[in-house]
């Protein structure tokens, strides 16, 4: 292969690696918790996937439930951001170590 063919192959390989990395980032989930395990909110980059409320929480006032749901969402978002950053760092490290894995 000529130099340009090699270069284009490497560019295609890098595009595949980046697409794989994007898929891995989309798969990350995190669960936020509030009220000593009264509320669980599971989320991904695509949004909230599941909300679980303890039965005992339903006896509380509406404002208490709303505040706990908001706290669980915020906790989940922070966890999701950390997990995404950790995964991104790992993926970036892999790409730097072996940018043309298919070569």
Protein backbone atom coordinates (compact mmCIF):
# COMPACT_ATOMS: atom_id res chain seq x y z
CA UNK A 1 0.00 0.00 0.00
CA UNK A 2 1.07 3.54 -0.65
CA UNK A 3 1.46 6.16 2.03
CA UNK A 4 -1.92 7.71 1.22
CA UNK A 5 -3.65 4.32 1.34
CA UNK A 6 -2.07 3.68 4.74
CA UNK A 7 -3.13 7.10 5.96
CA UNK A 8 -6.75 6.59 4.83
CA UNK A 9 -6.85 3.14 6.44
CA UNK A 10 -5.63 4.66 9.70
CA UNK A 11 -8.28 7.40 9.48
CA UNK A 12 -11.01 4.78 8.94
CA UNK A 13 -9.68 2.75 11.87
CA UNK A 14 -9.70 5.83 14.08
CA UNK A 15 -13.31 6.60 13.06
CA UNK A 16 -14.32 3.05 14.01
CA UNK A 17 -12.53 3.41 17.35
CA UNK A 18 -14.33 6.69 18.05
CA UNK A 19 -17.70 5.18 17.16
CA UNK A 20 -17.02 2.29 19.54
CA UNK A 21 -16.09 4.82 22.23
CA UNK A 22 -19.35 6.75 21.71
CA UNK A 23 -21.36 3.54 22.07
CA UNK A 24 -19.56 2.71 25.31
CA UNK A 25 -20.35 6.15 26.70
CA UNK A 26 -24.05 5.73 25.86
CA UNK A 27 -24.16 2.47 27.84
CA UNK A 28 -23.24 4.09 31.15
CA UNK A 29 -25.94 4.10 33.83
CA UNK A 30 -25.98 5.54 37.33
CA UNK A 31 -28.47 5.37 40.18
CA UNK A 32 -29.10 8.33 42.41
CA UNK A 33 -30.32 7.73 45.94
CA UNK A 34 -32.03 10.00 48.46
CA UNK A 35 -33.72 9.81 51.83
CA UNK A 36 -31.73 6.88 53.19
CA UNK A 37 -32.82 4.53 50.40
CA UNK A 38 -36.35 5.90 50.07
CA UNK A 39 -35.88 7.08 46.47
CA UNK A 40 -33.82 5.55 43.66
CA UNK A 41 -33.50 7.15 40.21
CA UNK A 42 -31.65 5.22 37.49
CA UNK A 43 -30.45 7.24 34.52
CA UNK A 44 -28.23 7.16 31.47
CA UNK A 45 -27.03 9.71 28.94
CA UNK A 46 -30.44 9.30 27.30
CA UNK A 47 -32.38 10.35 30.41
CA UNK A 48 -34.14 8.87 33.42
CA UNK A 49 -34.84 5.16 32.98
CA UNK A 50 -36.47 4.23 36.27
CA UNK A 51 -37.80 5.81 39.48
CA UNK A 52 -38.38 3.70 42.58
CA UNK A 53 -40.10 4.97 45.71
CA UNK A 54 -40.31 3.12 49.00
CA UNK A 55 -43.89 2.42 50.02
CA UNK A 56 -43.31 4.18 53.33
CA UNK A 57 -42.48 7.39 51.46
CA UNK A 58 -45.97 7.61 50.00
CA UNK A 59 -47.30 8.52 53.44
CA UNK A 60 -45.24 11.72 53.41
CA UNK A 61 -46.35 15.12 52.20
CA UNK A 62 -46.09 15.84 48.49
CA UNK A 63 -43.36 18.45 48.97
CA UNK A 64 -41.17 15.93 50.84
CA UNK A 65 -41.53 13.40 48.03
CA UNK A 66 -40.74 16.05 45.40
CA UNK A 67 -37.62 17.17 47.26
CA UNK A 68 -36.37 13.60 47.64
CA UNK A 69 -36.94 12.85 43.95
CA UNK A 70 -35.03 16.02 43.01
CA UNK A 71 -32.20 15.05 45.37
CA UNK A 72 -32.02 11.54 43.89
CA UNK A 73 -31.94 12.95 40.35
CA UNK A 74 -29.13 15.34 41.32
CA UNK A 75 -27.21 12.50 42.98
CA UNK A 76 -27.67 10.35 39.90
CA UNK A 77 -26.50 13.13 37.60
CA UNK A 78 -23.33 13.60 39.63
CA UNK A 79 -22.64 9.86 39.61
CA UNK A 80 -23.34 9.70 35.87
CA UNK A 81 -20.97 12.59 35.20
CA UNK A 82 -18.20 10.93 37.25
CA UNK A 83 -18.76 7.56 35.59
CA UNK A 84 -18.79 9.15 32.14
CA UNK A 85 -15.59 11.06 32.88
CA UNK A 86 -13.92 7.89 34.17
CA UNK A 87 -14.99 5.94 31.10
CA UNK A 88 -13.95 8.77 28.78
CA UNK A 89 -10.53 8.91 30.41
CA UNK A 90 -10.16 5.15 30.00
CA UNK A 91 -11.26 5.26 26.35
CA UNK A 92 -8.98 8.20 25.57
CA UNK A 93 -6.09 6.39 27.20
CA UNK A 94 -6.78 3.30 25.10
CA UNK A 95 -6.94 5.38 21.92
CA UNK A 96 -3.64 7.06 22.73
CA UNK A 97 -1.95 3.75 23.51
CA UNK A 98 -3.32 2.00 20.43
CA UNK A 99 -4.89 4.49 18.01
CA UNK A 100 -5.00 1.99 15.13
CA UNK A 101 -6.07 -1.23 16.80
CA UNK A 102 -7.28 -2.71 13.51
CA UNK A 103 -3.95 -2.17 11.71
